[in-house]
């Protein structure tokens, strides 16, 4: 089962899906050059991820990043 996650980096939030949450958090922290302040995750699939993207579409910055 995949994991749908929301990670708060302070100035932006990332919504995504992964099979390996710990590895994904590490990848994002390296790419963003900042530590995740907090995160939320639930077992889910592509459909749940897309629902989250639509729910927060008014706050979209770029790609899967929101403010």
Protein backbone atom coordinates (compact mmCIF):
# COMPACT_ATOMS: atom_id res chain seq x y z
CA UNK A 1 0.00 0.00 0.00
CA UNK A 2 1.21 3.48 -0.82
CA UNK A 3 1.35 6.40 1.60
CA UNK A 4 -0.12 9.83 0.88
CA UNK A 5 1.85 12.51 2.70
CA UNK A 6 1.79 16.24 3.46
CA UNK A 7 5.15 17.70 4.49
CA UNK A 8 5.52 21.23 5.88
CA UNK A 9 8.82 22.93 5.02
CA UNK A 10 7.88 26.24 6.62
CA UNK A 11 7.45 28.34 3.48
CA UNK A 12 5.70 25.62 1.49
CA UNK A 13 3.88 22.34 1.87
CA UNK A 14 4.35 19.28 -0.36
CA UNK A 15 1.53 16.82 -1.06
CA UNK A 16 2.53 13.53 -2.61
CA UNK A 17 2.45 9.76 -2.62
CA UNK A 18 5.22 7.23 -2.02
CA UNK A 19 5.92 3.59 -1.27
CA UNK A 20 8.77 4.46 1.14
CA UNK A 21 7.94 7.46 3.33
CA UNK A 22 11.28 7.74 5.16
CA UNK A 23 13.28 7.65 1.93
CA UNK A 24 10.96 10.24 0.34
CA UNK A 25 11.25 12.63 3.29
CA UNK A 26 15.04 12.37 3.12
CA UNK A 27 15.02 13.03 -0.66
CA UNK A 28 12.81 16.09 -0.27
CA UNK A 29 14.82 17.53 2.62
CA UNK A 30 17.99 17.20 0.54
CA UNK A 31 16.37 18.75 -2.55
CA UNK A 32 14.71 21.60 -0.61
CA UNK A 33 17.80 22.31 1.52
CA UNK A 34 15.57 22.59 4.60
CA UNK A 35 14.31 20.26 7.27
CA UNK A 36 10.67 19.23 7.40
CA UNK A 37 8.97 20.98 10.31
CA UNK A 38 6.15 18.46 10.53
CA UNK A 39 4.36 15.97 8.37
CA UNK A 40 1.14 14.05 8.12
CA UNK A 41 0.67 10.74 6.36
CA UNK A 42 -2.04 8.13 5.79
CA UNK A 43 -2.24 4.88 3.84
CA UNK A 44 -3.70 5.78 0.49
CA UNK A 45 -3.54 5.63 -3.26
CA UNK A 46 -3.36 7.90 -6.30
CA UNK A 47 -7.05 8.78 -5.98
CA UNK A 48 -6.62 10.05 -2.40
CA UNK A 49 -3.57 12.06 -3.46
CA UNK A 50 -5.54 13.65 -6.30
CA UNK A 51 -8.39 14.52 -3.91
CA UNK A 52 -5.87 16.32 -1.67
CA UNK A 53 -4.43 18.21 -4.67
CA UNK A 54 -7.91 19.35 -5.74
CA UNK A 55 -8.88 20.31 -2.16
CA UNK A 56 -5.89 22.65 -1.84
CA UNK A 57 -5.68 23.83 -5.47
CA UNK A 58 -6.38 27.45 -4.47
CA UNK A 59 -3.07 27.43 -2.53
CA UNK A 60 -0.93 25.86 -5.26
CA UNK A 61 2.49 27.43 -5.83
CA UNK A 62 4.02 25.05 -8.36
CA UNK A 63 3.73 21.33 -9.10
CA UNK A 64 2.81 19.58 -5.84
CA UNK A 65 3.84 22.52 -3.61
CA UNK A 66 1.32 24.70 -1.78
CA UNK A 67 1.39 27.63 0.63
